[in-house]
Amino acid sequence: MRVERDPTIPGRYRCDVTDAWNILYAFGGLTMSIAVNAARAELRDPETFRPISASTTFLQPVSAGPVVLDVQTLRASRGAHQMSVDLRPEGQPEPAMRVACLFAPRRDEGVDVQGDDAPEVADPLDIVPAEPPPDFPAAKLPYSRSVEIRTA
């Protein structure tokens, strides 16, 4: 799914949400990532800035189909860009979700993470995908056609 700029209205983007990730409605993580991508497209220099955080308020369910995204830059500086995105289904006046995003410049210095080492597990591609049991309720949901189950 691509977020496309609407050439007629500044800060407006459009996307067609597929039903491939529907649970009962469009999966919230999917709609949130669409909104963050719209905000990123609105950045003056998207190659310099990367997403640092995003917070979403889900106001109502989003069904598969065309959506409109209105992006507003709240603050832009050399050190950070704060953006707001309202996502609404096409033809609906009120937003179905609002996302607040923070973008900051990429930095060259490394991150030193300390803690336990990750456990040794098989390469996921070496594990045969498992079929969900026929009585597994999620197997009937559309998004289940988009995922594979592999247990380590």
C-alpha atoms as a PDB file:
ATOM      1  CA  MET A   1       0.000   0.000   0.000  1.00  0.00           C
ATOM      2  CA  ARG A   2       1.354   3.361  -0.994  1.00  0.00           C
ATOM      3  CA  VAL A   3       0.630   6.722   0.529  1.00  0.00           C
ATOM      4  CA  GLU A   4       0.093   9.173  -2.329  1.00  0.00           C
ATOM      5  CA  ARG A   5       0.249  12.972  -2.070  1.00  0.00           C
ATOM      6  CA  ASP A   6      -2.987  14.760  -3.023  1.00  0.00           C
ATOM      7  CA  PRO A   7      -1.805  17.486  -5.433  1.00  0.00           C
ATOM      8  CA  THR A   8      -4.862  19.667  -4.795  1.00  0.00           C
ATOM      9  CA  ILE A   9      -4.567  20.137  -1.001  1.00  0.00           C
ATOM     10  CA  PRO A  10      -1.266  20.825   0.835  1.00  0.00           C
ATOM     11  CA  GLY A  11      -0.514  18.262   3.541  1.00  0.00           C
ATOM     12  CA  ARG A  12      -3.157  15.801   2.308  1.00  0.00           C
ATOM     13  CA  TYR A  13      -2.373  12.212   1.359  1.00  0.00           C
ATOM     14  CA  ARG A  14      -4.473   9.277   0.224  1.00  0.00           C
ATOM     15  CA  CYS A  15      -4.135   5.522   0.555  1.00  0.00           C
ATOM     16  CA  ASP A  16      -6.253   2.492  -0.275  1.00  0.00           C
ATOM     17  CA  VAL A  17      -6.292   0.214   2.796  1.00  0.00           C
ATOM     18  CA  THR A  18      -6.380  -3.433   1.736  1.00  0.00           C
ATOM     19  CA  ASP A  19      -8.513  -5.969   3.571  1.00  0.00           C
ATOM     20  CA  ALA A  20      -5.533  -8.351   3.765  1.00  0.00           C
ATOM     21  CA  TRP A  21      -4.848  -7.160   7.323  1.00  0.00           C
ATOM     22  CA  ASN A  22      -8.430  -7.000   8.557  1.00  0.00           C
ATOM     23  CA  ILE A  23      -9.224  -8.575  11.872  1.00  0.00           C
ATOM     24  CA  LEU A  24     -12.718  -7.190  12.241  1.00  0.00           C
ATOM     25  CA  TYR A  25     -11.562  -3.874  10.809  1.00  0.00           C
ATOM     26  CA  ALA A  26      -8.210  -2.743   9.449  1.00  0.00           C
ATOM     27  CA  PHE A  27      -5.413  -3.763  11.823  1.00  0.00           C
ATOM     28  CA  GLY A  28      -4.438  -0.775  14.009  1.00  0.00           C
ATOM     29  CA  GLY A  29      -0.707  -1.239  13.459  1.00  0.00           C
ATOM     30  CA  LEU A  30      -1.251  -1.086   9.715  1.00  0.00           C
ATOM     31  CA  THR A  31      -3.275   2.128   9.814  1.00  0.00           C
ATOM     32  CA  MET A  32      -0.756   3.657  12.219  1.00  0.00           C
ATOM     33  CA  SER A  33       2.139   2.839   9.868  1.00  0.00           C
ATOM     34  CA  ILE A  34       0.214   4.383   6.961  1.00  0.00           C
ATOM     35  CA  ALA A  35      -0.159   7.597   9.000  1.00  0.00           C
ATOM     36  CA  VAL A  36       3.549   7.653   9.964  1.00  0.00           C
ATOM     37  CA  ASN A  37       4.465   7.165   6.289  1.00  0.00           C
ATOM     38  CA  ALA A  38       2.278  10.155   5.362  1.00  0.00           C
ATOM     39  CA  ALA A  39       4.044  12.268   8.007  1.00  0.00           C
ATOM     40  CA  ARG A  40       7.437  11.116   6.718  1.00  0.00           C
ATOM     41  CA  ALA A  41       6.447  12.065   3.156  1.00  0.00           C
ATOM     42  CA  GLU A  42       5.657  15.578   4.399  1.00  0.00           C
ATOM     43  CA  LEU A  43       9.148  16.108   5.861  1.00  0.00           C
ATOM     44  CA  ARG A  44      11.339  18.609   4.043  1.00  0.00           C
ATOM     45  CA  ASP A  45      14.253  16.163   4.166  1.00  0.00           C
ATOM     46  CA  PRO A  46      12.966  12.597   4.760  1.00  0.00           C
ATOM     47  CA  GLU A  47      16.425  11.078   4.199  1.00  0.00           C
ATOM     48  CA  THR A  48      17.904  13.039   7.121  1.00  0.00           C
ATOM     49  CA  PHE A  49      15.108  12.487   9.634  1.00  0.00           C
ATOM     50  CA  ARG A  50      13.926   9.167  11.029  1.00  0.00           C
ATOM     51  CA  PRO A  51      10.928   8.355  13.217  1.00  0.00           C
ATOM     52  CA  ILE A  52      11.738   8.428  16.938  1.00  0.00           C
ATOM     53  CA  SER A  53       8.272   7.968  18.406  1.00  0.00           C
ATOM     54  CA  ALA A  54       4.624   7.814  17.442  1.00  0.00           C
ATOM     55  CA  SER A  55       1.509   7.725  19.565  1.00  0.00           C
ATOM     56  CA  THR A  56      -1.957   6.966  18.263  1.00  0.00           C
ATOM     57  CA  THR A  57      -5.426   7.713  19.545  1.00  0.00           C
ATOM     58  CA  PHE A  58      -7.860   5.305  17.893  1.00  0.00           C
ATOM     59  CA  LEU A  59     -11.182   7.138  17.744  1.00  0.00           C
ATOM     60  CA  GLN A  60     -13.235   4.647  15.734  1.00  0.00           C
ATOM     61  CA  PRO A  61     -12.633   1.543  13.611  1.00  0.00           C
ATOM     62  CA  VAL A  62     -11.209   1.906  10.104  1.00  0.00           C
ATOM     63  CA  SER A  63     -12.620  -0.370   7.416  1.00  0.00           C
ATOM     64  CA  ALA A  64     -10.717  -1.442   4.329  1.00  0.00           C
ATOM     65  CA  GLY A  65     -11.008   1.040   1.488  1.00  0.00           C
ATOM     66  CA  PRO A  66      -9.782   4.519   0.582  1.00  0.00           C
ATOM     67  CA  VAL A  67      -8.604   6.776   3.415  1.00  0.00           C
ATOM     68  CA  VAL A  68      -7.587  10.431   3.573  1.00  0.00           C
ATOM     69  CA  LEU A  69      -4.654  11.575   5.713  1.00  0.00           C
ATOM     70  CA  ASP A  70      -4.178  15.200   6.720  1.00  0.00           C
ATOM     71  CA  VAL A  71      -0.656  15.948   7.950  1.00  0.00           C
ATOM     72  CA  GLN A  72       0.212  19.022   9.987  1.00  0.00           C
ATOM     73  CA  THR A  73       3.739  20.051  10.942  1.00  0.00           C
ATOM     74  CA  LEU A  74       3.510  21.256  14.537  1.00  0.00           C
ATOM     75  CA  ARG A  75       7.171  22.179  14.926  1.00  0.00           C
ATOM     76  CA  ALA A  76      10.163  21.880  12.611  1.00  0.00           C
ATOM     77  CA  SER A  77      13.786  22.598  13.509  1.00  0.00           C
ATOM     78  CA  ARG A  78      17.221  21.219  12.719  1.00  0.00           C
ATOM     79  CA  GLY A  79      16.918  18.896  15.707  1.00  0.00           C
ATOM     80  CA  ALA A  80      13.352  17.553  15.441  1.00  0.00           C
ATOM     81  CA  HIS A  81      10.091  17.591  13.549  1.00  0.00           C
ATOM     82  CA  GLN A  82       6.828  17.111  15.423  1.00  0.00           C
ATOM     83  CA  MET A  83       3.877  16.159  13.238  1.00  0.00           C
ATOM     84  CA  SER A  84       0.212  15.319  13.615  1.00  0.00           C
ATOM     85  CA  VAL A  85      -1.774  13.093  11.235  1.00  0.00           C
ATOM     86  CA  ASP A  86      -5.539  12.656  11.095  1.00  0.00           C
ATOM     87  CA  LEU A  87      -6.686   9.556   9.204  1.00  0.00           C
ATOM     88  CA  ARG A  88     -10.301   9.209   8.120  1.00  0.00           C
ATOM     89  CA  PRO A  89     -12.153   6.994   5.687  1.00  0.00           C
ATOM     90  CA  GLU A  90     -12.908   8.752   2.397  1.00  0.00           C
ATOM     91  CA  GLY A  91     -16.169  10.694   2.669  1.00  0.00           C
ATOM     92  CA  GLN A  92     -16.185  10.738   6.475  1.00  0.00           C
ATOM     93  CA  PRO A  93     -15.806  14.199   8.043  1.00  0.00           C
ATOM     94  CA  GLU A  94     -14.322  13.160  11.417  1.00  0.00           C
ATOM     95  CA  PRO A  95     -10.950  11.461  11.927  1.00  0.00           C
ATOM     96  CA  ALA A  96     -10.946   7.786  12.848  1.00  0.00           C
ATOM     97  CA  MET A  97      -7.474   8.094  14.354  1.00  0.00           C
ATOM     98  CA  ARG A  98      -4.961  10.775  15.254  1.00  0.00           C
ATOM     99  CA  VAL A  99      -1.214  10.124  15.301  1.00  0.00           C
ATOM    100  CA  ALA A 100       1.472  12.302  16.895  1.00  0.00           C
ATOM    101  CA  CYS A 101       4.945  11.664  15.432  1.00  0.00           C
ATOM    102  CA  LEU A 102       8.435  12.804  16.337  1.00  0.00           C
ATOM    103  CA  PHE A 103      11.246  12.658  13.776  1.00  0.00           C
ATOM    104  CA  ALA A 104      14.906  13.453  14.481  1.00  0.00           C
ATOM    105  CA  PRO A 105      18.106  13.469  12.425  1.00  0.00           C
ATOM    106  CA  ARG A 106      20.034  10.255  11.957  1.00  0.00           C
ATOM    107  CA  ARG A 107      23.130  10.092  14.104  1.00  0.00           C
ATOM    108  CA  ASP A 108      26.353   8.257  13.341  1.00  0.00           C
ATOM    109  CA  GLU A 109      27.257   7.344  16.902  1.00  0.00           C
ATOM    110  CA  GLY A 110      26.463   3.784  17.870  1.00  0.00           C
ATOM    111  CA  VAL A 111      24.222   2.572  20.629  1.00  0.00           C
ATOM    112  CA  ASP A 112      25.670   0.413  23.355  1.00  0.00           C
ATOM    113  CA  VAL A 113      22.965  -1.972  24.554  1.00  0.00           C
ATOM    114  CA  GLN A 114      23.880  -4.111  27.512  1.00  0.00           C
ATOM    115  CA  GLY A 115      21.983  -7.102  28.791  1.00  0.00           C
ATOM    116  CA  ASP A 116      21.520 -10.795  28.268  1.00  0.00           C
ATOM    117  CA  ASP A 117      22.474 -12.338  24.960  1.00  0.00           C
ATOM    118  CA  ALA A 118      19.632 -13.475  22.745  1.00  0.00           C
ATOM    119  CA  PRO A 119      18.972 -17.221  22.916  1.00  0.00           C
ATOM    120  CA  GLU A 120      20.195 -19.469  20.113  1.00  0.00           C
ATOM    121  CA  VAL A 121      17.305 -20.454  17.837  1.00  0.00           C
ATOM    122  CA  ALA A 122      17.002 -21.994  14.399  1.00  0.00           C
ATOM    123  CA  ASP A 123      16.890 -19.814  11.307  1.00  0.00           C
ATOM    124  CA  PRO A 124      13.176 -19.120  10.667  1.00  0.00           C
ATOM    125  CA  LEU A 125      13.570 -20.185   7.033  1.00  0.00           C
ATOM    126  CA  ASP A 126      14.707 -23.625   8.226  1.00  0.00           C
ATOM    127  CA  ILE A 127      11.495 -24.125  10.222  1.00  0.00           C
ATOM    128  CA  VAL A 128       8.500 -25.624   8.437  1.00  0.00           C
ATOM    129  CA  PRO A 129       5.454 -23.319   8.683  1.00  0.00           C
ATOM    130  CA  ALA A 130       2.736 -24.667  10.947  1.00  0.00           C
ATOM    131  CA  GLU A 131      -0.911 -24.829   9.942  1.00  0.00           C
ATOM    132  CA  PRO A 132      -3.314 -23.468  12.534  1.00  0.00           C
ATOM    133  CA  PRO A 133      -5.790 -26.026  13.869  1.00  0.00           C
ATOM    134  CA  PRO A 134      -9.089 -26.012  11.946  1.00  0.00           C
ATOM    135  CA  ASP A 135     -11.003 -24.846  15.021  1.00  0.00           C
ATOM    136  CA  PHE A 136      -8.614 -21.920  15.641  1.00  0.00           C
ATOM    137  CA  PRO A 137     -10.907 -18.841  15.537  1.00  0.00           C
ATOM    138  CA  ALA A 138      -8.340 -16.481  14.000  1.00  0.00           C
ATOM    139  CA  ALA A 139      -7.944 -18.804  10.987  1.00  0.00           C
ATOM    140  CA  LYS A 140     -11.226 -17.415   9.656  1.00  0.00           C
ATOM    141  CA  LEU A 141     -10.068 -13.791   9.805  1.00  0.00           C
ATOM    142  CA  PRO A 142      -8.773 -12.220   6.569  1.00  0.00           C
ATOM    143  CA  TYR A 143      -5.423 -11.183   8.063  1.00  0.00           C
ATOM    144  CA  SER A 144      -4.533 -14.824   8.772  1.00  0.00           C
ATOM    145  CA  ARG A 145      -3.912 -15.260   5.019  1.00  0.00           C
ATOM    146  CA  SER A 146      -1.075 -12.720   5.371  1.00  0.00           C
ATOM    147  CA  VAL A 147       0.910 -14.419   8.131  1.00  0.00           C
ATOM    148  CA  GLU A 148       2.905 -17.609   8.616  1.00  0.00           C
ATOM    149  CA  ILE A 149       3.354 -19.448  11.895  1.00  0.00           C
ATOM    150  CA  ARG A 150       6.838 -20.814  12.579  1.00  0.00           C
ATOM    151  CA  THR A 151       7.729 -22.003  16.065  1.00  0.00           C
ATOM    152  CA  ALA A 152      11.328 -22.054  17.197  1.00  0.00           C
END
